[in-house]
C-alpha atoms as a PDB file:
ATOM      1  CA  MET A   1      13.683   3.678   6.072  1.00  0.00           C
ATOM      2  CA  THR A   2      15.729   4.946   8.961  1.00  0.00           C
ATOM      3  CA  VAL A   3      14.591   5.223  12.549  1.00  0.00           C
ATOM      4  CA  LYS A   4      16.975   6.435  15.236  1.00  0.00           C
ATOM      5  CA  LEU A   5      16.780   5.263  18.817  1.00  0.00           C
ATOM      6  CA  ARG A   6      15.533   8.047  21.073  1.00  0.00           C
ATOM      7  CA  PRO A   7      17.040   8.479  24.538  1.00  0.00           C
ATOM      8  CA  GLY A   8      15.320   6.139  26.977  1.00  0.00           C
ATOM      9  CA  GLU A   9      13.286   4.441  24.234  1.00  0.00           C
ATOM     10  CA  SER A  10      12.755   0.694  24.407  1.00  0.00           C
ATOM     11  CA  GLN A  11      13.554  -1.658  21.546  1.00  0.00           C
ATOM     12  CA  GLU A  12       9.869  -2.572  21.260  1.00  0.00           C
ATOM     13  CA  SER A  13       8.747   1.018  20.702  1.00  0.00           C
ATOM     14  CA  LEU A  14      11.608   1.548  18.239  1.00  0.00           C
ATOM     15  CA  LEU A  15      10.461  -1.496  16.278  1.00  0.00           C
ATOM     16  CA  LYS A  16       6.870  -0.251  16.396  1.00  0.00           C
ATOM     17  CA  ARG A  17       7.937   3.141  15.003  1.00  0.00           C
ATOM     18  CA  PHE A  18       9.954   1.412  12.289  1.00  0.00           C
ATOM     19  CA  ARG A  19       6.987  -0.717  11.246  1.00  0.00           C
ATOM     20  CA  HIS A  20       4.814   2.394  11.166  1.00  0.00           C
ATOM     21  CA  GLU A  21       7.328   4.207   8.928  1.00  0.00           C
ATOM     22  CA  VAL A  22       7.557   1.236   6.582  1.00  0.00           C
ATOM     23  CA  THR A  23       3.771   1.070   6.328  1.00  0.00           C
ATOM     24  CA  LYS A  24       3.482   4.812   5.850  1.00  0.00           C
ATOM     25  CA  GLY A  25       6.163   4.803   3.160  1.00  0.00           C
ATOM     26  CA  ARG A  26       4.477   1.910   1.320  1.00  0.00           C
ATOM     27  CA  VAL A  27       7.792   0.080   1.127  1.00  0.00           C
ATOM     28  CA  LEU A  28       6.345  -3.422   1.380  1.00  0.00           C
ATOM     29  CA  SER A  29       3.717  -2.887  -1.293  1.00  0.00           C
ATOM     30  CA  ASP A  30       6.416  -1.529  -3.609  1.00  0.00           C
ATOM     31  CA  VAL A  31       8.664  -4.533  -2.939  1.00  0.00           C
ATOM     32  CA  ARG A  32       5.814  -6.963  -3.530  1.00  0.00           C
ATOM     33  CA  ARG A  33       4.916  -5.211  -6.778  1.00  0.00           C
ATOM     34  CA  ARG A  34       8.499  -5.370  -8.059  1.00  0.00           C
ATOM     35  CA  ARG A  35       8.929  -9.002  -7.085  1.00  0.00           C
ATOM     36  CA  TRP A  36       8.030 -10.181 -10.584  1.00  0.00           C
ATOM     37  CA  PHE A  37       8.436  -8.463 -13.922  1.00  0.00           C
ATOM     38  CA  VAL A  38       5.172  -7.210 -15.371  1.00  0.00           C
ATOM     39  CA  SER A  39       5.120  -5.905 -18.923  1.00  0.00           C
ATOM     40  CA  LYS A  40       3.679  -2.480 -19.752  1.00  0.00           C
ATOM     41  CA  SER A  41       0.691  -3.991 -21.534  1.00  0.00           C
ATOM     42  CA  GLU A  42      -0.066  -6.182 -18.528  1.00  0.00           C
ATOM     43  CA  GLN A  43       0.204  -3.153 -16.242  1.00  0.00           C
ATOM     44  CA  ARG A  44      -2.305  -1.293 -18.413  1.00  0.00           C
ATOM     45  CA  ARG A  45      -4.643  -4.286 -18.386  1.00  0.00           C
ATOM     46  CA  MET A  46      -4.388  -4.558 -14.604  1.00  0.00           C
ATOM     47  CA  ALA A  47      -4.988  -0.812 -14.175  1.00  0.00           C
ATOM     48  CA  LYS A  48      -8.052  -1.009 -16.422  1.00  0.00           C
ATOM     49  CA  ARG A  49      -9.472  -3.914 -14.425  1.00  0.00           C
ATOM     50  CA  LYS A  50      -8.775  -2.096 -11.175  1.00  0.00           C
ATOM     51  CA  GLY A  51     -10.570   1.002 -12.478  1.00  0.00           C
ATOM     52  CA  ILE A  52     -13.592  -1.057 -13.512  1.00  0.00           C
ATOM     53  CA  ARG A  53     -13.757  -2.669 -10.061  1.00  0.00           C
ATOM     54  CA  ARG A  54     -13.447   0.737  -8.399  1.00  0.00           C
ATOM     55  CA  ALA A  55     -16.236   2.165 -10.578  1.00  0.00           C
ATOM     56  CA  ARG A  56     -18.518  -0.788  -9.773  1.00  0.00           C
ATOM     57  CA  LYS A  57     -17.811  -0.358  -6.064  1.00  0.00           C
ATOM     58  CA  ARG A  58     -18.658   3.350  -6.237  1.00  0.00           C
ATOM     59  CA  GLN A  59     -21.843   2.548  -8.138  1.00  0.00           C
ATOM     60  CA  ARG A  60     -22.919   0.022  -5.491  1.00  0.00           C
ATOM     61  CA  GLN A  61     -22.161   2.468  -2.688  1.00  0.00           C
ATOM     62  CA  SER A  62     -24.076   5.297  -4.351  1.00  0.00           C
ATOM     63  CA  THR A  63     -27.152   3.084  -4.872  1.00  0.00           C
ATOM     64  CA  ARG A  64     -27.082   2.080  -1.192  1.00  0.00           C
ATOM     65  CA  ARG A  65     -27.032   5.703  -0.058  1.00  0.00           C
ATOM     66  CA  GLU A  66     -30.152   6.582  -2.021  1.00  0.00           C
END
């Protein structure tokens, strides 16, 4: 991520813009994910579990709306 200092901009606002860009670019989540090696089979297992949780959440939300 690159953020250039604008004329008359304070260091605090520059840092705030940088943090916003990092969050928007999902840099930290990518770094955290790559911190440890995860095998392909483990990635599939994790994705399956995540999908199941997401489906359950949607089911709960749809029953509340009715």
